[in-house]
Amino acid sequence: MDLLPPRGPEQAEELARAGALVLDLLPSPAETPSDSEVAGTIRTAALLGGERALSVIRRFRGETRPAAVQELDDAWGRFDARTYSDAVLADATLGAGVLTVRTPEQLACLEDLDQYERLRLFGIRTIPAEVASRRGLRDLYVLDSPDLTDIEPLAALRGLTHLSLNDCRGMSDLGPLSDLALKSLFTIGTPRVTLGILDRLPGLTALGLGGTGGLPSVGEFPGLPALTGLWLYEGTEDMSLDGLERWPDLDILSVTGSRQSHELRTVRRPPDLTRLQMIHHHDLDPAELLRFPRLATLWLADCRLTAGTGAWRELTGLTSLTFSACHTVDLTPLAGLPELTVHVYRGTEVLGADPFPPERLLLKA
């Protein structure tokens, strides 16, 4: 197998096992036209580490391709925080990507990285001063922070438009958000949070919930006059879709469990969805989805199809189809959709793959 340039993480790991001698052979950004090649090249250098590897990665600091941005962000943890910050991140923007901060050493570098408007924080107990002082912060993701209980410092971030709290089990009061112009709010694994704050966020267009809220149906959500995207994750399986008709402009929806999936097929006025995600639905009739003729993106996780995929040939605008842990699926009937790209994750056996060129059938680890 030709490993130069490496295409994706598996080839990067295989190439890195050859040792530091491969660093001189790694291509430049101009020599990595595909996403898999640019990602594999940065990953190989990051796995090897050291000054020479850092020099290789530095060549890619101007990259804005999503695959490259993800690898540039991931590589920070493999080098001294300050050295990598000065050599790579100080002159980068990561495009539309998110800068991830996992350690106190990385947090201390933020004062010199004020160009980043999107941050992801892990394992914090309080909102750090280095974050609360970033008036240009637009998106904030807080993960794995069960001891976080107070988000009052966020009230000063008037430019914040997206907030995601994931596994912040100690959080209960979202009141400090009431004066912000939030467009998107996700609370996942935050069982103590209540949803009264929604009535004070009239500009919210996207809402994601997981193990939060305690309301019997979506129709009882307060406020949300502008909602266009709703994600119901694990922990909301008992929440009914009654009242979904409140949002005629809803075009993105994620549902979890058979109850919500079954209710979706009986909604009196189905939303005009372009994106749909279904999780834990073990008797999905593909024909049910023809109620949403404008579907462009469909993501199925831990779902079982009761019939073949032939019905989806009528979804002529379908461009992205993802299967994760979906047992067995036959793609043969979909080969005639020229714009369709299929993403397959672990736990899914694919039949009928031969008609799909490699760039339209992406097998993910």
Protein backbone atom coordinates (compact mmCIF):
# COMPACT_ATOMS: atom_id res chain seq x y z
CA MET A 1 0.00 0.00 0.00
CA ASP A 2 1.28 3.46 -0.92
CA LEU A 3 1.27 5.48 2.33
CA LEU A 4 2.54 8.75 0.88
CA PRO A 5 0.63 10.86 1.31
CA PRO A 6 -1.19 9.09 4.16
CA ARG A 7 -4.95 9.05 3.66
CA GLY A 8 -6.73 9.20 6.98
CA PRO A 9 -5.90 8.17 10.55
CA GLU A 10 -5.18 4.47 9.97
CA GLN A 11 -2.58 5.13 7.29
CA ALA A 12 -1.12 7.94 9.43
CA GLU A 13 -0.62 5.55 12.33
CA GLU A 14 0.94 2.94 10.06
CA LEU A 15 3.30 5.48 8.51
CA ALA A 16 4.27 6.94 11.89
CA ARG A 17 5.45 3.51 13.01
CA ALA A 18 8.29 3.87 10.50
CA GLY A 19 9.77 6.61 12.70
CA ALA A 20 10.96 10.18 12.29
CA LEU A 21 12.62 9.49 8.94
CA VAL A 22 9.20 9.85 7.25
CA LEU A 23 8.98 13.51 8.28
CA ASP A 24 11.19 14.55 5.37
CA LEU A 25 8.87 12.70 3.00
CA LEU A 26 5.59 14.24 4.07
CA PRO A 27 3.94 16.47 1.45
CA SER A 28 3.23 20.17 1.56
CA PRO A 29 -0.31 21.63 1.66
CA ALA A 30 -0.22 22.05 -2.12
CA GLU A 31 0.55 18.35 -2.47
CA THR A 32 -2.44 17.23 -0.36
CA PRO A 33 -5.51 18.07 -2.45
CA SER A 34 -7.93 15.76 -0.66
CA ASP A 35 -9.29 16.08 2.88
CA SER A 36 -8.07 12.61 3.81
CA GLU A 37 -4.52 13.42 2.64
CA VAL A 38 -4.21 16.70 4.49
CA ALA A 39 -5.64 15.14 7.66
CA GLY A 40 -3.38 12.11 7.38
CA THR A 41 -0.27 14.23 6.88
CA ILE A 42 -0.90 16.41 9.93
CA ARG A 43 -1.82 13.35 12.00
CA THR A 44 1.40 11.56 11.05
CA ALA A 45 3.54 14.48 12.16
CA ALA A 46 1.58 14.88 15.38
CA LEU A 47 2.03 11.21 16.24
CA LEU A 48 5.79 11.48 15.75
CA GLY A 49 6.17 14.70 17.76
CA GLY A 50 9.31 16.75 18.27
CA GLU A 51 10.66 19.92 16.67
CA ARG A 52 10.85 18.53 13.13
CA ALA A 53 7.26 17.33 13.32
CA LEU A 54 6.20 20.74 14.57
CA SER A 55 7.86 22.32 11.55
CA VAL A 56 5.81 20.06 9.28
CA ILE A 57 2.57 20.97 11.01
CA ARG A 58 3.45 24.66 10.92
CA ARG A 59 3.32 24.51 7.11
CA PHE A 60 -0.40 23.76 7.41
CA ARG A 61 -1.27 26.53 9.88
CA GLY A 62 -3.16 28.50 7.21
CA GLU A 63 -5.46 25.58 6.38
CA THR A 64 -9.20 26.11 6.65
CA ARG A 65 -10.36 22.75 5.28
CA PRO A 66 -12.42 21.04 8.03
CA ALA A 67 -10.33 17.87 8.05
CA ALA A 68 -7.11 19.87 8.45
CA VAL A 69 -8.61 22.16 11.08
CA GLN A 70 -9.65 19.17 13.18
CA GLU A 71 -6.15 17.71 13.08
CA LEU A 72 -4.48 21.06 13.87
CA ASP A 73 -6.72 21.33 16.93
CA ASP A 74 -6.12 17.73 18.04
CA ALA A 75 -2.34 18.06 17.65
CA TRP A 76 -2.09 20.76 20.36
CA GLY A 77 -2.19 18.15 23.10
CA ARG A 78 0.80 16.29 21.68
CA PHE A 79 3.23 19.21 22.07
CA ASP A 80 4.22 21.66 24.76
CA ALA A 81 1.21 23.98 24.98
CA ARG A 82 3.11 27.27 24.66
CA THR A 83 5.47 26.05 21.94
CA TYR A 84 2.62 24.79 19.76
CA SER A 85 0.55 27.90 20.42
CA ASP A 86 3.38 30.19 19.30
CA ALA A 87 4.44 28.08 16.31
CA VAL A 88 1.03 27.09 14.88
CA LEU A 89 -2.04 28.55 16.54
CA ALA A 90 -0.83 32.15 16.80
CA ASP A 91 -0.80 32.46 13.00
CA ALA A 92 -3.82 30.24 12.33
CA THR A 93 -7.56 30.83 12.45
CA LEU A 94 -8.83 27.23 12.13
CA GLY A 95 -11.39 28.56 9.69
CA ALA A 96 -14.83 27.82 11.11
CA GLY A 97 -13.37 25.22 13.48
CA VAL A 98 -13.32 25.16 17.26
CA LEU A 99 -10.22 25.56 19.43
CA THR A 100 -10.17 22.92 22.17
CA VAL A 101 -8.73 23.70 25.61
CA ARG A 102 -8.11 20.75 27.92
CA THR A 103 -5.33 21.81 30.29
CA PRO A 104 -4.36 24.82 32.43
CA GLU A 105 -1.28 25.25 30.24
CA GLN A 106 -3.45 25.59 27.14
CA LEU A 107 -5.82 27.92 28.96
CA ALA A 108 -2.92 30.23 29.78
CA CYS A 109 -2.20 30.61 26.06
CA LEU A 110 -5.61 32.06 25.24
CA GLU A 111 -4.59 35.65 25.94
CA ASP A 112 -2.35 35.48 22.86
CA LEU A 113 -4.97 33.72 20.72
CA ASP A 114 -7.73 36.29 20.63
CA GLN A 115 -8.60 35.58 16.98
CA TYR A 116 -10.51 32.46 17.99
CA GLU A 117 -14.26 33.04 18.32
CA ARG A 118 -15.17 29.42 19.05
CA LEU A 119 -13.89 27.53 22.10
CA ARG A 120 -14.37 24.04 23.53
CA LEU A 121 -13.55 23.56 27.23
CA PHE A 122 -13.16 20.29 29.12
CA GLY A 123 -13.32 19.62 32.84
CA ILE A 124 -13.80 23.10 34.28
CA ARG A 125 -15.15 23.95 37.77
CA THR A 126 -15.76 27.64 37.07
CA ILE A 127 -15.87 29.80 33.96
CA PRO A 128 -12.20 30.81 33.56
CA ALA A 129 -11.33 34.51 33.54
CA GLU A 130 -9.47 33.89 30.27
CA VAL A 131 -12.83 32.95 28.73
CA ALA A 132 -15.11 35.43 30.51
CA SER A 133 -12.97 38.30 29.25
CA ARG A 134 -13.20 37.30 25.55
CA ARG A 135 -15.72 39.84 24.29
CA GLY A 136 -15.43 38.43 20.78
CA LEU A 137 -16.41 34.90 21.81
CA ARG A 138 -19.23 33.63 19.62
CA ASP A 139 -19.54 29.89 20.34
CA LEU A 140 -18.75 28.09 23.61
CA TYR A 141 -18.85 24.34 24.22
CA VAL A 142 -18.38 23.08 27.79
CA LEU A 143 -17.96 19.33 28.24
CA ASP A 144 -17.31 16.84 31.05
CA SER A 145 -17.64 19.48 33.76
CA PRO A 146 -19.88 17.97 36.45
CA ASP A 147 -18.62 20.40 39.10
CA LEU A 148 -19.59 23.53 37.16
CA THR A 149 -22.54 25.20 38.91
CA ASP A 150 -22.26 28.92 38.11
CA ILE A 151 -22.24 30.47 34.64
CA GLU A 152 -22.79 34.06 35.79
CA PRO A 153 -19.53 35.24 34.11
CA LEU A 154 -21.07 34.39 30.73
CA ALA A 155 -23.56 37.24 31.16
CA ALA A 156 -20.82 39.67 30.09
CA LEU A 157 -20.27 37.90 26.74
CA ARG A 158 -22.76 39.92 24.71
CA GLY A 159 -21.56 38.46 21.43
CA LEU A 160 -22.18 34.85 22.47
CA THR A 161 -24.65 33.20 20.09
CA HIS A 162 -24.14 29.49 20.81
CA LEU A 163 -23.76 27.68 24.14
CA SER A 164 -23.47 23.93 24.62
CA LEU A 165 -23.35 22.32 28.08
CA ASN A 166 -22.56 18.61 27.90
CA ASP A 167 -22.27 16.51 31.05
CA CYS A 168 -22.47 19.50 33.37
CA ARG A 169 -24.54 17.66 35.96
CA GLY A 170 -24.15 20.32 38.64
CA MET A 171 -25.76 23.04 36.51
CA SER A 172 -29.30 24.13 37.34
CA ASP A 173 -29.61 27.89 36.83
CA LEU A 174 -29.41 29.21 33.28
CA GLY A 175 -30.72 32.61 34.35
CA PRO A 176 -27.46 34.45 33.53
CA LEU A 177 -28.16 33.76 29.85
CA SER A 178 -31.39 35.76 29.80
CA ASP A 179 -29.86 38.98 28.46
CA LEU A 180 -27.78 37.32 25.77
CA ALA A 181 -28.77 37.16 22.12
CA LEU A 182 -28.36 33.39 21.97
CA LYS A 183 -29.32 31.70 18.73
CA SER A 184 -28.45 28.15 19.77
CA LEU A 185 -28.57 26.34 23.13
CA PHE A 186 -27.71 22.69 23.82
CA THR A 187 -27.95 21.12 27.29
CA ILE A 188 -27.08 17.43 27.35
CA GLY A 189 -26.52 15.38 30.49
CA THR A 190 -27.68 18.28 32.67
CA PRO A 191 -30.59 16.72 34.60
CA ARG A 192 -31.07 19.60 37.04
CA VAL A 193 -31.58 22.25 34.37
CA THR A 194 -35.15 23.46 33.84
CA LEU A 195 -36.43 25.10 30.69
CA GLY A 196 -38.05 28.27 32.01
CA ILE A 197 -35.15 30.24 30.53
CA LEU A 198 -36.46 29.51 27.03
CA ASP A 199 -39.18 32.14 27.44
CA ARG A 200 -36.44 34.77 27.82
CA LEU A 201 -34.51 33.76 24.72
CA PRO A 202 -36.84 34.83 21.90
CA GLY A 203 -34.12 34.74 19.26
CA LEU A 204 -33.29 31.06 19.83
CA THR A 205 -33.42 29.17 16.53
CA ALA A 206 -31.73 25.91 17.62
CA LEU A 207 -32.37 23.86 20.75
CA GLY A 208 -30.77 20.56 21.77
CA LEU A 209 -31.81 18.57 24.83
CA GLY A 210 -30.57 15.36 26.42
CA GLY A 211 -31.62 14.30 29.91
CA THR A 212 -32.96 17.80 30.52
CA GLY A 213 -36.29 19.46 31.05
CA GLY A 214 -38.82 17.01 32.46
CA LEU A 215 -41.67 18.30 30.28
CA PRO A 216 -44.09 15.70 28.85
CA SER A 217 -44.17 17.10 25.32
CA VAL A 218 -42.37 19.54 23.05
CA GLY A 219 -45.58 21.53 22.80
CA GLU A 220 -45.07 22.63 26.42
CA PHE A 221 -41.73 24.30 25.76
CA PRO A 222 -42.04 27.95 26.74
CA GLY A 223 -41.28 30.58 24.12
CA LEU A 224 -39.22 29.60 21.06
CA PRO A 225 -41.12 31.58 18.40
CA ALA A 226 -38.19 31.42 15.94
CA LEU A 227 -37.20 27.75 16.32
CA THR A 228 -35.95 26.07 13.13
CA GLY A 229 -33.84 23.24 14.59
CA LEU A 230 -34.69 20.79 17.42
CA TRP A 231 -32.46 17.97 18.66
CA LEU A 232 -33.88 15.46 21.18
CA TYR A 233 -31.11 13.18 22.43
CA GLU A 234 -30.86 10.31 24.90
CA GLY A 235 -32.77 11.02 28.08
CA THR A 236 -35.71 12.57 26.23
CA GLU A 237 -37.23 9.30 24.96
CA ASP A 238 -40.36 9.79 27.06
CA MET A 239 -40.99 13.28 25.69
CA SER A 240 -43.84 13.35 23.20
CA LEU A 241 -43.76 15.23 19.89
CA ASP A 242 -47.26 16.58 20.56
CA GLY A 243 -47.24 20.24 19.61
CA LEU A 244 -44.50 19.97 16.99
CA GLU A 245 -46.82 21.86 14.65
CA ARG A 246 -46.01 25.03 16.64
CA TRP A 247 -42.95 25.51 14.45
CA PRO A 248 -43.96 25.60 10.79
CA ASP A 249 -40.45 26.67 9.79
CA LEU A 250 -38.72 23.73 11.49
CA ASP A 251 -36.28 22.22 9.01
CA ILE A 252 -33.85 20.28 11.24
CA LEU A 253 -35.02 17.57 13.65
CA SER A 254 -33.39 14.83 15.71
CA VAL A 255 -35.55 12.24 17.50
CA THR A 256 -34.59 9.44 19.89
CA GLY A 257 -36.42 6.20 20.56
CA SER A 258 -39.30 4.40 18.91
CA ARG A 259 -41.98 6.57 20.52
CA GLN A 260 -40.80 9.80 18.95
CA SER A 261 -40.07 8.08 15.65
CA HIS A 262 -43.57 6.61 15.50
CA GLU A 263 -45.15 9.93 16.44
CA LEU A 264 -43.22 11.64 13.68
CA ARG A 265 -45.08 9.63 11.05
CA THR A 266 -48.45 10.72 12.44
CA VAL A 267 -47.84 14.44 12.94
CA ARG A 268 -50.82 16.17 11.37
CA ARG A 269 -48.76 18.82 9.58
CA PRO A 270 -45.30 17.34 9.09
CA PRO A 271 -42.51 19.92 9.16
CA ASP A 272 -40.75 20.66 5.90
CA LEU A 273 -37.51 19.02 7.01
CA THR A 274 -34.24 19.18 5.11
CA ARG A 275 -32.23 17.37 7.83
CA LEU A 276 -33.38 14.46 9.99
CA GLN A 277 -31.54 12.39 12.58
CA MET A 278 -33.09 9.26 14.09
CA ILE A 279 -31.58 7.40 17.05
CA HIS A 280 -32.60 4.02 18.55
CA HIS A 281 -35.45 3.23 16.15
CA HIS A 282 -35.60 -0.53 15.63
CA ASP A 283 -38.52 -0.83 13.21
CA LEU A 284 -38.07 1.94 10.69
CA ASP A 285 -40.02 1.62 7.46
CA PRO A 286 -38.02 3.65 4.92
CA ALA A 287 -41.24 4.69 3.18
CA GLU A 288 -42.22 6.67 6.31
CA LEU A 289 -39.64 9.27 5.41
CA LEU A 290 -41.34 10.14 2.15
CA ARG A 291 -43.42 12.54 4.24
CA PHE A 292 -40.35 14.76 4.06
CA PRO A 293 -39.71 15.17 0.34
CA ARG A 294 -37.12 17.95 0.81
CA LEU A 295 -34.77 15.80 2.91
CA ALA A 296 -31.17 16.48 1.98
CA THR A 297 -29.42 14.96 5.02
CA LEU A 298 -30.45 11.78 6.85
CA TRP A 299 -28.51 10.35 9.80
CA LEU A 300 -29.52 7.00 11.33
CA ALA A 301 -27.90 5.70 14.52
CA ASP A 302 -28.80 2.32 16.04
CA CYS A 303 -31.75 1.93 13.67
CA ARG A 304 -33.13 -1.18 11.95
CA LEU A 305 -34.89 -0.98 8.61
CA THR A 306 -37.99 -3.12 8.10
CA ALA A 307 -37.72 -2.89 4.31
CA GLY A 308 -35.18 -2.00 1.65
CA THR A 309 -33.95 1.48 0.85
CA GLY A 310 -35.70 1.61 -2.53
CA ALA A 311 -38.33 4.08 -1.28
CA TRP A 312 -35.61 6.68 -0.79
CA ARG A 313 -35.08 6.92 -4.55
CA GLU A 314 -37.99 9.35 -4.43
CA LEU A 315 -35.98 11.66 -2.17
CA THR A 316 -34.24 13.20 -5.14
CA GLY A 317 -32.64 15.95 -3.07
CA LEU A 318 -30.90 13.52 -0.70
CA THR A 319 -27.18 14.32 -0.72
CA SER A 320 -25.91 12.88 2.60
CA LEU A 321 -26.90 9.58 4.19
CA THR A 322 -25.21 8.29 7.35
CA PHE A 323 -25.49 4.92 9.06
CA SER A 324 -24.04 4.19 12.50
CA ALA A 325 -24.63 0.84 14.25
CA CYS A 326 -27.48 0.05 11.84
CA HIS A 327 -26.78 -3.69 11.41
CA THR A 328 -27.18 -4.33 7.64
CA VAL A 329 -28.23 -1.95 4.87
CA ASP A 330 -28.45 -2.51 1.12
CA LEU A 331 -27.49 0.54 -0.93
CA THR A 332 -28.19 -1.03 -4.32
CA PRO A 333 -31.41 0.92 -4.97
CA LEU A 334 -29.69 4.25 -4.23
CA ALA A 335 -26.89 3.99 -6.76
CA GLY A 336 -28.91 6.11 -9.17
CA LEU A 337 -28.86 9.19 -6.93
CA PRO A 338 -25.82 10.96 -8.42
CA GLU A 339 -25.41 13.56 -5.69
CA LEU A 340 -25.68 11.12 -2.77
CA THR A 341 -22.70 10.52 -0.47
CA VAL A 342 -23.01 7.70 2.07
CA HIS A 343 -21.13 7.71 5.39
CA VAL A 344 -20.85 4.39 7.22
CA TYR A 345 -19.67 4.01 10.81
CA ARG A 346 -18.93 0.93 12.87
CA GLY A 347 -21.69 -1.57 13.46
CA THR A 348 -23.15 -1.35 9.96
CA GLU A 349 -22.66 -3.93 7.21
CA VAL A 350 -23.12 -2.47 3.75
CA LEU A 351 -24.46 -4.40 0.78
CA GLY A 352 -24.58 -3.07 -2.77
CA ALA A 353 -21.52 -0.84 -2.37
CA ASP A 354 -19.91 -1.63 -5.74
CA PRO A 355 -21.74 1.02 -7.83
CA PHE A 356 -20.56 3.79 -5.49
CA PRO A 357 -17.19 5.40 -6.26
CA PRO A 358 -14.87 5.78 -3.24
CA GLU A 359 -15.57 9.49 -2.88
CA ARG A 360 -19.30 8.78 -2.48
CA LEU A 361 -19.00 5.89 0.03
CA LEU A 362 -16.96 6.90 3.07
CA LEU A 363 -16.20 4.23 5.65
CA LYS A 364 -15.53 5.79 9.07
CA ALA A 365 -13.72 4.31 12.05
